[in-house]
Amino acid sequence: MIIPTTGNDAYHGRPIAWRVLLALGAIDLVRGSIHLFASDGGAGQIAGIDLAHGGDVIVMLFAVVGIHQILWGVLNLIVGLRHRAFVPLLLALQTIEAVLAIWVLWFFKPISVPAPGKFGVLVTLPILALALWASLRPRAGTST
């Protein structure tokens, strides 16, 4: 089976963690749709990237990122609603992704424009880390 049969009863973490996952899923669906379906992928109008040189490649890369975000969004919603046993795994993967995104966007290959994603990941990382921590903390009255 592609989707496991493990249901929500296998999750013992705090409810805030899967609720954060649901919120992130909705956010990813919105921003992924913008990157995929907006004429410039949001690169020019939202991020302020100059599309005069290589704009077609930039827009294509934004669309690919949009597909990635939409898939994460769908996965987050599926897990948050029906398969909460996977909440810690998804939060751990997305926390690692945020750490790596900060490293790339701010140090390794810093972007010279004030793109929302550059600053958004700085806000998202602590939220993800706290949600991951909460997903690993058993609720009162449950045993691990």
Protein backbone atom coordinates (compact mmCIF):
# COMPACT_ATOMS: atom_id res chain seq x y z
CA MET A 1 0.00 0.00 0.00
CA ILE A 2 1.17 3.49 -0.75
CA ILE A 3 -0.64 4.97 2.24
CA PRO A 4 -0.19 2.88 5.40
CA THR A 5 -3.14 1.76 7.48
CA THR A 6 -1.76 3.33 10.65
CA GLY A 7 -4.41 5.70 11.92
CA ASN A 8 -4.49 8.62 14.31
CA ASP A 9 -4.58 6.37 17.39
CA ALA A 10 -0.87 5.58 16.92
CA TYR A 11 0.10 9.23 17.53
CA HIS A 12 0.94 10.12 21.13
CA GLY A 13 2.39 13.60 20.73
CA ARG A 14 0.79 16.92 21.52
CA PRO A 15 -2.12 18.03 19.28
CA ILE A 16 -0.44 21.36 18.50
CA ALA A 17 2.14 19.50 16.39
CA TRP A 18 -0.34 18.02 13.91
CA ARG A 19 -2.23 21.31 13.85
CA VAL A 20 0.98 23.10 12.84
CA LEU A 21 1.41 20.46 10.15
CA LEU A 22 -2.10 21.22 8.86
CA ALA A 23 -1.36 24.96 8.79
CA LEU A 24 1.91 24.35 6.95
CA GLY A 25 0.06 22.12 4.50
CA ALA A 26 -2.40 24.89 3.70
CA ILE A 27 0.40 27.46 3.37
CA ASP A 28 2.37 25.15 1.08
CA LEU A 29 -0.67 24.63 -1.15
CA VAL A 30 -1.13 28.39 -1.51
CA ARG A 31 2.48 29.34 -2.14
CA GLY A 32 3.06 26.29 -4.33
CA SER A 33 0.06 27.24 -6.45
CA ILE A 34 1.40 30.77 -6.83
CA HIS A 35 4.81 29.46 -7.92
CA LEU A 36 3.27 26.99 -10.34
CA PHE A 37 0.38 28.98 -11.82
CA ALA A 38 1.31 32.69 -11.65
CA SER A 39 2.65 33.96 -14.96
CA ASP A 40 6.03 34.84 -13.42
CA GLY A 41 5.81 32.23 -10.66
CA GLY A 42 5.91 35.08 -8.17
CA ALA A 43 9.59 35.61 -8.96
CA GLY A 44 9.19 39.15 -10.25
CA GLN A 45 5.97 40.42 -8.72
CA ILE A 46 6.45 38.97 -5.24
CA ALA A 47 10.17 38.25 -4.80
CA GLY A 48 11.42 41.22 -6.82
CA ILE A 49 13.79 39.16 -8.94
CA ASP A 50 14.85 40.79 -12.22
CA LEU A 51 13.57 38.52 -14.98
CA ALA A 52 15.19 40.46 -17.84
CA HIS A 53 18.03 37.94 -18.19
CA GLY A 54 17.21 34.24 -17.88
CA GLY A 55 13.68 34.94 -16.76
CA ASP A 56 12.29 31.86 -18.46
CA VAL A 57 14.66 29.63 -16.49
CA ILE A 58 13.85 31.40 -13.21
CA VAL A 59 10.10 31.07 -13.83
CA MET A 60 10.54 27.38 -14.68
CA LEU A 61 12.54 26.80 -11.48
CA PHE A 62 9.85 28.56 -9.44
CA ALA A 63 7.25 26.26 -11.03
CA VAL A 64 9.30 23.21 -10.02
CA VAL A 65 9.54 24.57 -6.47
CA GLY A 66 5.78 25.09 -6.60
CA ILE A 67 5.23 21.43 -7.46
CA HIS A 68 7.44 20.48 -4.51
CA GLN A 69 5.45 22.76 -2.19
CA ILE A 70 2.10 21.45 -3.39
CA LEU A 71 3.23 17.86 -2.80
CA TRP A 72 4.47 18.73 0.71
CA GLY A 73 1.18 20.50 1.34
CA VAL A 74 -0.88 17.49 0.32
CA LEU A 75 1.34 15.15 2.36
CA ASN A 76 1.12 17.42 5.42
CA LEU A 77 -2.68 17.49 5.16
CA ILE A 78 -2.95 13.70 4.71
CA VAL A 79 -0.70 13.05 7.69
CA GLY A 80 -2.26 15.75 9.87
CA LEU A 81 -5.77 14.51 9.20
CA ARG A 82 -5.45 10.72 8.85
CA HIS A 83 -1.98 9.34 9.63
CA ARG A 84 -0.68 11.25 12.63
CA ALA A 85 1.85 8.55 13.52
CA PHE A 86 4.00 10.17 10.79
CA VAL A 87 3.79 13.70 12.24
CA PRO A 88 7.23 13.54 13.96
CA LEU A 89 8.89 12.20 10.79
CA LEU A 90 7.42 14.92 8.56
CA LEU A 91 8.27 17.65 11.04
CA ALA A 92 11.83 16.33 11.37
CA LEU A 93 12.30 16.30 7.59
CA GLN A 94 10.88 19.79 7.21
CA THR A 95 13.02 21.10 10.08
CA ILE A 96 16.11 19.75 8.33
CA GLU A 97 14.90 21.28 5.06
CA ALA A 98 14.47 24.68 6.78
CA VAL A 99 17.98 24.53 8.28
CA LEU A 100 19.42 23.74 4.86
CA ALA A 101 17.32 26.47 3.21
CA ILE A 102 18.69 29.04 5.68
CA TRP A 103 22.21 27.88 4.95
CA VAL A 104 21.66 28.19 1.18
CA LEU A 105 19.63 31.44 1.17
CA TRP A 106 21.79 33.31 3.67
CA PHE A 107 25.31 31.85 3.38
CA PHE A 108 26.09 29.36 0.60
CA LYS A 109 24.26 31.02 -2.32
CA PRO A 110 22.63 34.10 -0.80
CA ILE A 111 19.88 35.76 -2.78
CA SER A 112 20.38 39.50 -3.23
CA VAL A 113 16.69 40.46 -3.20
CA PRO A 114 14.42 40.59 -0.16
CA ALA A 115 12.36 37.59 -1.28
CA PRO A 116 9.66 36.57 1.20
CA GLY A 117 11.00 33.01 1.38
CA LYS A 118 14.39 34.28 2.54
CA PHE A 119 12.81 35.77 5.64
CA GLY A 120 9.92 33.33 5.95
CA VAL A 121 12.23 30.41 6.56
CA LEU A 122 13.71 32.29 9.54
CA VAL A 123 10.21 32.38 11.06
CA THR A 124 9.32 28.86 9.99
CA LEU A 125 12.37 27.13 11.49
CA PRO A 126 11.58 27.83 15.16
CA ILE A 127 7.91 26.94 14.58
CA LEU A 128 8.94 23.64 13.01
CA ALA A 129 11.43 22.92 15.79
CA LEU A 130 8.83 23.60 18.50
CA ALA A 131 6.21 21.52 16.67
CA LEU A 132 8.72 18.67 16.33
CA TRP A 133 9.45 18.87 20.05
CA ALA A 134 5.71 18.87 20.81
CA SER A 135 5.17 15.86 18.53
CA LEU A 136 7.69 13.90 20.58
CA ARG A 137 6.20 14.88 23.96
CA PRO A 138 3.48 12.48 25.07
CA ARG A 139 0.11 13.95 25.95
CA ALA A 140 -0.97 13.73 29.54
CA GLY A 141 -2.48 10.34 30.20
CA THR A 142 -0.72 8.53 27.35
CA SER A 143 2.22 6.20 27.48
CA THR A 144 4.92 5.83 24.86
